[in-house]
């Protein structure tokens, strides 16, 4: 039996920790994980940090990592769940029609989705936040609210099959909830 596949949608300037932590955590649990981006290329991530005296986060170069597949080549039906990291990548990947197609598929099919930080910008563009409760990086609270969602300033917010969080400091709670949803879906599917 092959391991269920999980898809990560990201791009350049994604937050390094928000890509690598779920990627490695899902591999650790035995899932097969593909990273998709606007094109199949080497991606360049960034590190966002919080420093005293700054009104916002700082940004430094992060890891480089290969995308496994381009958005246009993704068949979302091949994947059991979706992860969308934050950073600055959601600002531009949300404009890709294949990103929107993939996101809508997961929400229409009620498949598990983990999204964090600025990922809410992509979900707002895909039109899937209406009537939902979601965490996000607090600076984008107005964006998710304008998209019809209730912003919740919490480490992990579960709304149906979607788990959201504010930023990488929330990883333990965020991934704990997401793993719980994945295990629950797997046990329902095996009945």
N, C-alpha and C. Protein backbone atom coordinates (compact mmCIF):
# COMPACT_ATOMS: atom_id res chain seq x y z
N UNK A 1 0.84 -1.18 0.00
CA UNK A 1 0.00 0.00 0.00
C UNK A 1 0.89 1.25 0.00
N UNK A 2 0.63 2.16 -0.91
CA UNK A 2 1.44 3.37 -0.97
C UNK A 2 0.95 4.39 0.05
N UNK A 3 1.88 5.19 0.50
CA UNK A 3 1.56 6.23 1.48
C UNK A 3 0.69 7.30 0.83
N UNK A 4 -0.26 7.86 1.58
CA UNK A 4 -1.03 8.99 1.04
C UNK A 4 -0.10 10.14 0.70
N UNK A 5 -0.46 10.88 -0.35
CA UNK A 5 0.35 12.00 -0.79
C UNK A 5 -0.23 13.30 -0.26
N UNK A 6 0.67 14.18 0.16
CA UNK A 6 0.30 15.52 0.64
C UNK A 6 0.97 16.53 -0.28
N UNK A 7 0.26 17.60 -0.58
CA UNK A 7 0.76 18.64 -1.46
C UNK A 7 1.03 19.92 -0.68
N UNK A 8 2.19 20.51 -0.90
CA UNK A 8 2.51 21.82 -0.35
C UNK A 8 2.55 22.81 -1.51
N UNK A 9 1.77 23.89 -1.41
CA UNK A 9 1.76 24.95 -2.42
C UNK A 9 2.56 26.13 -1.91
N UNK A 10 3.62 26.50 -2.64
CA UNK A 10 4.46 27.59 -2.18
C UNK A 10 5.20 28.22 -3.36
N UNK A 11 6.17 29.06 -3.05
CA UNK A 11 6.96 29.72 -4.07
C UNK A 11 8.13 30.45 -3.45
N UNK A 12 8.82 31.23 -4.26
CA UNK A 12 9.92 32.03 -3.74
C UNK A 12 9.43 32.94 -2.62
N UNK A 13 10.30 33.19 -1.66
CA UNK A 13 10.05 34.06 -0.51
C UNK A 13 9.05 33.49 0.48
N UNK A 14 8.81 32.18 0.41
CA UNK A 14 8.04 31.53 1.47
C UNK A 14 8.90 31.51 2.72
N UNK A 15 8.26 31.50 3.86
CA UNK A 15 8.98 31.41 5.14
C UNK A 15 9.59 30.01 5.24
N UNK A 16 10.93 29.94 5.39
CA UNK A 16 11.65 28.65 5.43
C UNK A 16 11.06 27.67 6.42
N UNK A 17 10.85 28.11 7.65
CA UNK A 17 10.33 27.21 8.68
C UNK A 17 8.93 26.71 8.35
N UNK A 18 8.12 27.55 7.71
CA UNK A 18 6.74 27.17 7.43
C UNK A 18 6.63 26.21 6.25
N UNK A 19 7.70 26.07 5.48
CA UNK A 19 7.76 25.04 4.44
C UNK A 19 8.40 23.79 5.02
N UNK A 20 9.57 23.95 5.61
CA UNK A 20 10.37 22.79 6.01
C UNK A 20 9.79 22.03 7.20
N UNK A 21 9.21 22.72 8.16
CA UNK A 21 8.66 22.00 9.32
C UNK A 21 7.53 21.05 8.90
N UNK A 22 6.49 21.53 8.22
CA UNK A 22 5.45 20.56 7.84
C UNK A 22 5.95 19.51 6.86
N UNK A 23 6.84 19.90 5.95
CA UNK A 23 7.40 18.93 5.00
C UNK A 23 8.06 17.78 5.75
N UNK A 24 8.94 18.09 6.67
CA UNK A 24 9.66 17.04 7.40
C UNK A 24 8.74 16.30 8.37
N UNK A 25 7.81 17.00 8.99
CA UNK A 25 6.88 16.36 9.93
C UNK A 25 6.00 15.34 9.21
N UNK A 26 5.53 15.70 8.02
CA UNK A 26 4.70 14.78 7.24
C UNK A 26 5.50 13.58 6.75
N UNK A 27 6.74 13.80 6.32
CA UNK A 27 7.60 12.68 5.94
C UNK A 27 7.81 11.75 7.13
N UNK A 28 8.03 12.34 8.29
CA UNK A 28 8.23 11.56 9.51
C UNK A 28 7.04 10.64 9.79
N UNK A 29 5.84 11.08 9.46
CA UNK A 29 4.63 10.30 9.69
C UNK A 29 4.38 9.28 8.58
N UNK A 30 5.25 9.27 7.55
CA UNK A 30 5.12 8.28 6.50
C UNK A 30 4.39 8.74 5.26
N UNK A 31 4.03 10.02 5.17
CA UNK A 31 3.37 10.54 3.98
C UNK A 31 4.39 10.81 2.89
N UNK A 32 3.95 10.75 1.65
CA UNK A 32 4.74 11.22 0.52
C UNK A 32 4.36 12.68 0.34
N UNK A 33 5.34 13.56 0.16
CA UNK A 33 5.07 15.00 0.10
C UNK A 33 5.66 15.59 -1.17
N UNK A 34 4.83 16.31 -1.92
CA UNK A 34 5.29 17.04 -3.09
C UNK A 34 5.18 18.54 -2.82
N UNK A 35 6.21 19.26 -3.23
CA UNK A 35 6.18 20.72 -3.16
C UNK A 35 5.90 21.25 -4.55
N UNK A 36 4.81 22.00 -4.67
CA UNK A 36 4.42 22.59 -5.95
C UNK A 36 4.62 24.09 -5.89
N UNK A 37 4.98 24.66 -7.03
CA UNK A 37 5.22 26.10 -7.15
C UNK A 37 4.76 26.54 -8.55
N UNK A 38 4.78 27.84 -8.81
CA UNK A 38 4.36 28.29 -10.15
C UNK A 38 5.11 27.60 -11.28
N UNK A 39 6.39 27.29 -11.06
CA UNK A 39 7.15 26.51 -12.03
C UNK A 39 8.06 25.54 -11.28
N UNK A 40 8.47 24.48 -11.98
CA UNK A 40 9.37 23.49 -11.38
C UNK A 40 10.78 24.05 -11.47
N UNK A 41 11.29 24.52 -10.34
CA UNK A 41 12.60 25.16 -10.30
C UNK A 41 13.13 25.13 -8.87
N UNK A 42 14.31 25.66 -8.67
CA UNK A 42 14.85 25.81 -7.32
C UNK A 42 14.20 27.04 -6.71
N UNK A 43 13.54 26.84 -5.57
CA UNK A 43 12.88 27.93 -4.85
C UNK A 43 13.83 28.53 -3.83
N UNK A 44 13.65 29.79 -3.53
CA UNK A 44 14.47 30.48 -2.54
C UNK A 44 13.57 31.01 -1.44
N UNK A 45 13.70 30.39 -0.26
CA UNK A 45 12.88 30.76 0.88
C UNK A 45 13.54 31.87 1.69
N UNK A 46 12.81 32.41 2.65
CA UNK A 46 13.31 33.48 3.50
C UNK A 46 13.07 33.12 4.97
N UNK A 47 13.74 33.85 5.84
CA UNK A 47 13.57 33.70 7.28
C UNK A 47 13.00 35.01 7.81
N UNK A 48 11.82 34.91 8.39
CA UNK A 48 11.22 36.08 9.04
C UNK A 48 11.44 35.94 10.54
N UNK A 49 11.86 37.02 11.16
CA UNK A 49 12.11 36.99 12.59
C UNK A 49 11.55 38.25 13.23
N UNK A 50 11.43 38.21 14.52
CA UNK A 50 10.86 39.31 15.28
C UNK A 50 11.97 39.92 16.13
N UNK A 51 12.20 41.21 15.95
CA UNK A 51 13.29 41.87 16.67
C UNK A 51 12.78 43.10 17.40
N UNK A 52 13.29 43.29 18.59
CA UNK A 52 12.90 44.45 19.39
C UNK A 52 13.17 45.74 18.62
N UNK A 53 12.24 46.65 18.69
CA UNK A 53 12.39 47.94 18.03
C UNK A 53 11.85 47.99 16.61
N UNK A 54 11.53 46.83 16.02
CA UNK A 54 10.96 46.79 14.68
C UNK A 54 9.44 46.75 14.80
N UNK A 55 8.75 47.52 13.97
CA UNK A 55 7.29 47.51 13.97
C UNK A 55 6.73 46.29 13.25
N UNK A 56 7.55 45.62 12.48
CA UNK A 56 7.14 44.42 11.76
C UNK A 56 8.28 43.42 11.82
N UNK A 57 8.15 42.31 11.15
CA UNK A 57 9.20 41.29 11.14
C UNK A 57 10.35 41.69 10.22
N UNK A 58 11.49 41.09 10.42
CA UNK A 58 12.64 41.28 9.53
C UNK A 58 12.70 40.09 8.57
N UNK A 59 13.43 40.27 7.47
CA UNK A 59 13.54 39.20 6.49
C UNK A 59 14.99 39.00 6.09
N UNK A 60 15.41 37.74 6.11
CA UNK A 60 16.76 37.37 5.72
C UNK A 60 16.68 36.20 4.73
N UNK A 61 17.72 35.97 3.94
CA UNK A 61 17.71 34.81 3.04
C UNK A 61 17.59 33.51 3.83
N UNK A 62 16.86 32.56 3.27
CA UNK A 62 16.67 31.26 3.91
C UNK A 62 17.19 30.14 3.03
N UNK A 63 16.53 29.00 3.12
CA UNK A 63 16.95 27.81 2.38
C UNK A 63 16.57 27.91 0.91
N UNK A 64 17.26 27.13 0.09
CA UNK A 64 16.86 26.91 -1.30
C UNK A 64 16.40 25.45 -1.38
N UNK A 65 15.32 25.22 -2.15
CA UNK A 65 14.75 23.88 -2.22
C UNK A 65 14.08 23.71 -3.57
N UNK A 66 14.17 22.53 -4.13
CA UNK A 66 13.55 22.28 -5.44
C UNK A 66 12.05 22.05 -5.33
N UNK A 67 11.32 22.68 -6.23
CA UNK A 67 9.89 22.37 -6.39
C UNK A 67 9.81 21.06 -7.16
N UNK A 68 8.92 20.18 -6.73
CA UNK A 68 8.75 18.89 -7.39
C UNK A 68 7.88 18.98 -8.63
N UNK A 69 6.96 19.94 -8.64
CA UNK A 69 5.97 20.01 -9.71
C UNK A 69 5.48 21.44 -9.87
N UNK A 70 5.11 21.82 -11.08
CA UNK A 70 4.52 23.13 -11.33
C UNK A 70 3.02 23.06 -11.05
N UNK A 71 2.45 24.17 -10.59
CA UNK A 71 1.01 24.21 -10.32
C UNK A 71 0.20 23.66 -11.50
N UNK A 72 0.54 24.06 -12.71
CA UNK A 72 -0.22 23.66 -13.90
C UNK A 72 -0.25 22.14 -14.09
N UNK A 73 0.74 21.44 -13.55
CA UNK A 73 0.82 19.99 -13.72
C UNK A 73 0.24 19.21 -12.56
N UNK A 74 -0.33 19.89 -11.58
CA UNK A 74 -0.89 19.22 -10.40
C UNK A 74 -2.31 18.75 -10.68
N UNK A 75 -2.55 17.46 -10.41
CA UNK A 75 -3.91 16.93 -10.36
C UNK A 75 -4.24 16.80 -8.88
N UNK A 76 -5.05 17.72 -8.34
CA UNK A 76 -5.28 17.70 -6.90
C UNK A 76 -5.94 16.41 -6.41
N UNK A 77 -6.61 15.68 -7.29
CA UNK A 77 -7.23 14.42 -6.88
C UNK A 77 -6.19 13.39 -6.46
N UNK A 78 -4.92 13.59 -6.81
CA UNK A 78 -3.85 12.67 -6.42
C UNK A 78 -3.41 12.85 -4.97
N UNK A 79 -3.92 13.86 -4.29
CA UNK A 79 -3.43 14.21 -2.96
C UNK A 79 -4.53 14.13 -1.90
N UNK A 80 -4.13 13.64 -0.73
CA UNK A 80 -5.07 13.49 0.38
C UNK A 80 -5.26 14.78 1.16
N UNK A 81 -4.28 15.68 1.11
CA UNK A 81 -4.35 16.91 1.90
C UNK A 81 -3.43 17.96 1.30
N UNK A 82 -3.61 19.19 1.79
CA UNK A 82 -2.91 20.35 1.27
C UNK A 82 -2.31 21.16 2.41
N UNK A 83 -1.10 21.69 2.20
CA UNK A 83 -0.45 22.61 3.14
C UNK A 83 -0.06 23.86 2.37
N UNK A 84 -0.39 25.03 2.94
CA UNK A 84 0.01 26.30 2.33
C UNK A 84 0.79 27.11 3.37
N UNK A 85 2.12 27.21 3.20
CA UNK A 85 2.94 28.01 4.10
C UNK A 85 2.74 29.50 3.85
N UNK A 86 3.25 30.30 4.77
CA UNK A 86 3.19 31.74 4.63
C UNK A 86 4.47 32.33 4.09
N UNK A 87 4.85 33.46 4.64
CA UNK A 87 5.93 34.23 4.07
C UNK A 87 5.34 35.17 3.03
N UNK A 88 6.18 35.62 2.11
CA UNK A 88 5.66 36.51 1.06
C UNK A 88 5.14 35.77 -0.16
N UNK A 89 5.42 34.47 -0.29
CA UNK A 89 4.98 33.71 -1.45
C UNK A 89 3.47 33.84 -1.73
N UNK A 90 2.60 33.77 -0.72
CA UNK A 90 1.17 33.88 -1.02
C UNK A 90 0.76 35.17 -1.72
N UNK A 91 1.55 36.24 -1.56
CA UNK A 91 1.23 37.50 -2.23
C UNK A 91 1.18 37.35 -3.74
N UNK A 92 2.05 36.49 -4.30
CA UNK A 92 2.07 36.36 -5.76
C UNK A 92 1.52 35.03 -6.25
N UNK A 93 1.64 33.94 -5.50
CA UNK A 93 1.10 32.67 -6.01
C UNK A 93 -0.42 32.72 -6.08
N UNK A 94 -1.06 33.57 -5.30
CA UNK A 94 -2.52 33.69 -5.34
C UNK A 94 -3.01 34.18 -6.70
N UNK A 95 -2.14 34.80 -7.49
CA UNK A 95 -2.51 35.30 -8.80
C UNK A 95 -2.42 34.25 -9.90
N UNK A 96 -1.94 33.07 -9.56
CA UNK A 96 -1.80 31.98 -10.52
C UNK A 96 -3.14 31.22 -10.59
N UNK A 97 -3.76 31.15 -11.77
CA UNK A 97 -5.06 30.47 -11.87
C UNK A 97 -5.01 29.00 -11.45
N UNK A 98 -3.85 28.36 -11.60
CA UNK A 98 -3.75 26.97 -11.17
C UNK A 98 -3.67 26.84 -9.65
N UNK A 99 -3.08 27.83 -8.99
CA UNK A 99 -3.12 27.86 -7.53
C UNK A 99 -4.58 27.90 -7.07
N UNK A 100 -5.34 28.81 -7.65
CA UNK A 100 -6.76 28.95 -7.28
C UNK A 100 -7.51 27.65 -7.57
N UNK A 101 -7.27 27.04 -8.71
CA UNK A 101 -7.92 25.77 -9.08
C UNK A 101 -7.65 24.69 -8.04
N UNK A 102 -6.40 24.57 -7.64
CA UNK A 102 -6.01 23.54 -6.68
C UNK A 102 -6.65 23.79 -5.32
N UNK A 103 -6.57 25.02 -4.84
CA UNK A 103 -7.14 25.35 -3.54
C UNK A 103 -8.64 25.08 -3.52
N UNK A 104 -9.33 25.53 -4.54
CA UNK A 104 -10.79 25.32 -4.58
C UNK A 104 -11.14 23.84 -4.58
N UNK A 105 -10.34 23.04 -5.25
CA UNK A 105 -10.60 21.59 -5.26
C UNK A 105 -10.60 21.04 -3.82
N UNK A 106 -9.57 21.37 -3.05
CA UNK A 106 -9.47 20.83 -1.70
C UNK A 106 -10.64 21.29 -0.81
N UNK A 107 -11.05 22.53 -0.96
CA UNK A 107 -12.18 23.01 -0.18
C UNK A 107 -13.50 22.42 -0.66
N UNK A 108 -13.67 22.32 -1.97
CA UNK A 108 -14.90 21.72 -2.51
C UNK A 108 -15.05 20.26 -2.10
N UNK A 109 -13.94 19.55 -2.04
CA UNK A 109 -13.95 18.12 -1.68
C UNK A 109 -13.83 17.90 -0.17
N UNK A 110 -13.71 18.99 0.59
CA UNK A 110 -13.56 18.93 2.06
C UNK A 110 -12.39 18.04 2.48
N UNK A 111 -11.29 18.18 1.75
CA UNK A 111 -10.06 17.48 2.11
C UNK A 111 -9.27 18.35 3.08
N UNK A 112 -8.44 17.75 3.93
CA UNK A 112 -7.69 18.52 4.93
C UNK A 112 -6.77 19.57 4.32
N UNK A 113 -6.80 20.75 4.93
CA UNK A 113 -5.96 21.87 4.51
C UNK A 113 -5.31 22.47 5.76
N UNK A 114 -3.99 22.60 5.74
CA UNK A 114 -3.26 23.31 6.80
C UNK A 114 -2.71 24.58 6.17
N UNK A 115 -3.04 25.72 6.76
CA UNK A 115 -2.55 26.99 6.23
C UNK A 115 -2.09 27.86 7.39
N UNK A 116 -1.06 28.67 7.11
CA UNK A 116 -0.43 29.41 8.20
C UNK A 116 0.05 30.78 7.70
N UNK A 117 0.03 31.73 8.63
CA UNK A 117 0.62 33.04 8.42
C UNK A 117 -0.06 33.82 7.30
N UNK A 118 0.65 34.12 6.22
CA UNK A 118 0.11 34.89 5.10
C UNK A 118 -0.62 34.02 4.08
N UNK A 119 -0.76 32.72 4.34
CA UNK A 119 -1.49 31.85 3.41
C UNK A 119 -2.93 32.31 3.22
N UNK A 120 -3.47 32.98 4.23
CA UNK A 120 -4.83 33.49 4.12
C UNK A 120 -5.04 34.42 2.93
N UNK A 121 -3.96 35.08 2.48
CA UNK A 121 -4.07 35.92 1.29
C UNK A 121 -4.42 35.08 0.07
N UNK A 122 -3.82 33.90 -0.02
CA UNK A 122 -4.12 33.00 -1.13
C UNK A 122 -5.52 32.43 -1.04
N UNK A 123 -5.95 32.09 0.17
CA UNK A 123 -7.30 31.55 0.34
C UNK A 123 -8.35 32.61 0.06
N UNK A 124 -8.07 33.85 0.44
CA UNK A 124 -9.00 34.95 0.14
C UNK A 124 -9.14 35.10 -1.37
N UNK A 125 -8.03 35.05 -2.10
CA UNK A 125 -8.07 35.19 -3.56
C UNK A 125 -8.82 34.03 -4.21
N UNK A 126 -8.75 32.85 -3.59
CA UNK A 126 -9.45 31.68 -4.12
C UNK A 126 -10.93 31.68 -3.75
N UNK A 127 -11.34 32.60 -2.87
CA UNK A 127 -12.74 32.72 -2.50
C UNK A 127 -13.27 31.60 -1.62
N UNK A 128 -12.41 31.06 -0.74
CA UNK A 128 -12.82 29.92 0.09
C UNK A 128 -12.94 30.24 1.58
N UNK A 129 -12.81 31.51 1.96
CA UNK A 129 -12.83 31.86 3.39
C UNK A 129 -14.21 32.29 3.90
N UNK A 130 -15.13 32.57 3.03
CA UNK A 130 -16.46 33.04 3.44
C UNK A 130 -17.07 32.12 4.49
N UNK A 131 -17.44 32.70 5.65
CA UNK A 131 -18.10 31.96 6.70
C UNK A 131 -17.20 31.08 7.55
N UNK A 132 -15.91 31.16 7.37
CA UNK A 132 -14.97 30.33 8.13
C UNK A 132 -14.34 31.10 9.28
N UNK A 133 -13.78 30.35 10.22
CA UNK A 133 -12.97 30.90 11.30
C UNK A 133 -11.52 30.56 10.96
N UNK A 134 -10.62 31.56 11.05
CA UNK A 134 -9.23 31.29 10.68
C UNK A 134 -8.26 32.12 11.50
N UNK A 135 -7.14 31.52 11.80
CA UNK A 135 -6.00 32.27 12.31
C UNK A 135 -5.21 32.74 11.10
N UNK A 136 -4.36 33.71 11.31
CA UNK A 136 -3.48 34.24 10.25
C UNK A 136 -2.49 35.15 10.94
N UNK A 137 -1.47 35.54 10.19
CA UNK A 137 -0.58 36.56 10.75
C UNK A 137 -1.45 37.78 11.05
N UNK A 138 -1.39 38.32 12.26
CA UNK A 138 -2.33 39.38 12.64
C UNK A 138 -2.39 40.58 11.70
N UNK A 139 -1.31 40.89 11.00
CA UNK A 139 -1.32 42.03 10.08
C UNK A 139 -2.27 41.82 8.89
N UNK A 140 -2.62 40.56 8.60
CA UNK A 140 -3.56 40.33 7.49
C UNK A 140 -4.98 40.05 7.98
N UNK A 141 -5.24 40.29 9.27
CA UNK A 141 -6.61 40.12 9.79
C UNK A 141 -7.62 40.88 8.94
N UNK A 142 -7.36 42.14 8.55
CA UNK A 142 -8.35 42.84 7.71
C UNK A 142 -8.61 42.14 6.37
N UNK A 143 -7.59 41.51 5.81
CA UNK A 143 -7.75 40.82 4.53
C UNK A 143 -8.66 39.60 4.66
N UNK A 144 -8.44 38.79 5.70
CA UNK A 144 -9.28 37.60 5.86
C UNK A 144 -10.70 38.00 6.26
N UNK A 145 -10.83 39.08 7.03
CA UNK A 145 -12.18 39.55 7.40
C UNK A 145 -12.93 40.07 6.17
N UNK A 146 -12.25 40.81 5.30
CA UNK A 146 -12.89 41.28 4.06
C UNK A 146 -13.28 40.12 3.15
N UNK A 147 -12.59 39.00 3.29
CA UNK A 147 -12.93 37.81 2.51
C UNK A 147 -14.07 37.02 3.14
N UNK A 148 -14.61 37.52 4.26
CA UNK A 148 -15.77 36.89 4.88
C UNK A 148 -15.47 35.94 6.01
N UNK A 149 -14.22 35.89 6.47
CA UNK A 149 -13.84 34.99 7.56
C UNK A 149 -13.81 35.73 8.89
N UNK A 150 -13.92 34.97 9.95
CA UNK A 150 -13.71 35.51 11.30
C UNK A 150 -12.24 35.28 11.65
N UNK A 151 -11.50 36.35 11.90
CA UNK A 151 -10.11 36.23 12.31
C UNK A 151 -10.06 35.81 13.77
N UNK A 152 -9.25 34.79 14.07
CA UNK A 152 -9.07 34.30 15.44
C UNK A 152 -7.58 34.37 15.75
N UNK A 153 -7.22 35.12 16.77
CA UNK A 153 -5.82 35.29 17.16
C UNK A 153 -5.43 34.15 18.10
N UNK A 154 -5.14 32.99 17.51
CA UNK A 154 -4.87 31.78 18.29
C UNK A 154 -3.83 30.92 17.59
N UNK A 155 -3.19 30.06 18.37
CA UNK A 155 -2.10 29.21 17.86
C UNK A 155 -2.56 28.18 16.85
N UNK A 156 -3.76 27.66 16.97
CA UNK A 156 -4.27 26.66 16.02
C UNK A 156 -5.79 26.75 16.03
N UNK A 157 -6.36 27.03 14.88
CA UNK A 157 -7.81 27.14 14.75
C UNK A 157 -8.27 26.04 13.79
N UNK A 158 -9.19 25.22 14.26
CA UNK A 158 -9.75 24.16 13.43
C UNK A 158 -11.14 24.59 12.98
N UNK A 159 -11.36 24.57 11.68
CA UNK A 159 -12.67 24.87 11.10
C UNK A 159 -12.95 23.78 10.07
N UNK A 160 -13.70 22.77 10.48
CA UNK A 160 -13.93 21.62 9.60
C UNK A 160 -12.62 20.91 9.33
N UNK A 161 -12.25 20.79 8.06
CA UNK A 161 -11.01 20.10 7.69
C UNK A 161 -9.84 21.06 7.54
N UNK A 162 -10.04 22.36 7.86
CA UNK A 162 -8.98 23.35 7.74
C UNK A 162 -8.38 23.65 9.11
N UNK A 163 -7.05 23.65 9.17
CA UNK A 163 -6.33 24.05 10.38
C UNK A 163 -5.46 25.25 10.01
N UNK A 164 -5.57 26.31 10.80
CA UNK A 164 -4.80 27.53 10.52
C UNK A 164 -4.02 27.94 11.75
N UNK A 165 -2.98 28.74 11.52
CA UNK A 165 -2.16 29.26 12.61
C UNK A 165 -1.60 30.61 12.20
N UNK A 166 -1.06 31.33 13.19
CA UNK A 166 -0.59 32.70 12.95
C UNK A 166 0.77 32.77 12.27
N UNK A 167 1.72 31.98 12.72
CA UNK A 167 3.09 32.03 12.19
C UNK A 167 3.87 30.86 12.80
N UNK A 168 5.14 30.73 12.38
CA UNK A 168 5.94 29.57 12.77
C UNK A 168 6.04 29.32 14.28
N UNK A 169 5.94 30.31 15.18
CA UNK A 169 5.95 29.94 16.60
C UNK A 169 4.78 29.02 17.00
N UNK A 170 3.74 28.96 16.17
CA UNK A 170 2.56 28.12 16.44
C UNK A 170 2.69 26.69 15.90
N UNK A 171 3.82 26.34 15.31
CA UNK A 171 3.97 25.03 14.67
C UNK A 171 3.51 23.85 15.51
N UNK A 172 3.91 23.71 16.78
CA UNK A 172 3.50 22.51 17.52
C UNK A 172 1.97 22.33 17.58
N UNK A 173 1.26 23.39 17.91
CA UNK A 173 -0.20 23.29 17.99
C UNK A 173 -0.82 23.07 16.61
N UNK A 174 -0.31 23.78 15.62
CA UNK A 174 -0.83 23.70 14.24
C UNK A 174 -0.68 22.29 13.68
N UNK A 175 0.51 21.73 13.75
CA UNK A 175 0.74 20.40 13.20
C UNK A 175 0.07 19.32 14.03
N UNK A 176 -0.03 19.50 15.34
CA UNK A 176 -0.73 18.52 16.19
C UNK A 176 -2.19 18.40 15.73
N UNK A 177 -2.85 19.53 15.50
CA UNK A 177 -4.24 19.52 15.05
C UNK A 177 -4.36 18.93 13.65
N UNK A 178 -3.44 19.29 12.76
CA UNK A 178 -3.49 18.79 11.39
C UNK A 178 -3.28 17.28 11.37
N UNK A 179 -2.31 16.78 12.13
CA UNK A 179 -2.08 15.33 12.20
C UNK A 179 -3.32 14.61 12.72
N UNK A 180 -3.99 15.23 13.68
CA UNK A 180 -5.23 14.64 14.20
C UNK A 180 -6.29 14.51 13.12
N UNK A 181 -6.44 15.54 12.29
CA UNK A 181 -7.42 15.49 11.20
C UNK A 181 -7.01 14.43 10.17
N UNK A 182 -5.73 14.36 9.82
CA UNK A 182 -5.27 13.37 8.86
C UNK A 182 -5.53 11.95 9.37
N UNK A 183 -5.26 11.70 10.64
CA UNK A 183 -5.46 10.36 11.21
C UNK A 183 -6.95 10.04 11.26
N UNK A 184 -7.77 11.03 11.58
CA UNK A 184 -9.21 10.80 11.63
C UNK A 184 -9.74 10.48 10.22
N UNK A 185 -9.31 11.21 9.22
CA UNK A 185 -9.74 10.95 7.83
C UNK A 185 -9.29 9.56 7.40
N UNK A 186 -8.06 9.17 7.79
CA UNK A 186 -7.55 7.85 7.41
C UNK A 186 -8.37 6.73 8.05
N UNK A 187 -8.76 6.90 9.32
CA UNK A 187 -9.53 5.86 9.98
C UNK A 187 -10.94 5.78 9.42
N UNK A 188 -11.52 6.90 9.03
CA UNK A 188 -12.85 6.89 8.40
C UNK A 188 -12.76 6.21 7.04
N UNK A 189 -11.70 6.51 6.30
CA UNK A 189 -11.51 5.92 4.97
C UNK A 189 -11.25 4.44 4.99
N UNK A 190 -10.77 3.91 6.12
CA UNK A 190 -10.44 2.48 6.19
C UNK A 190 -11.61 1.64 6.68
N UNK A 191 -12.71 2.29 7.05
CA UNK A 191 -13.90 1.54 7.52
C UNK A 191 -14.66 0.91 6.38
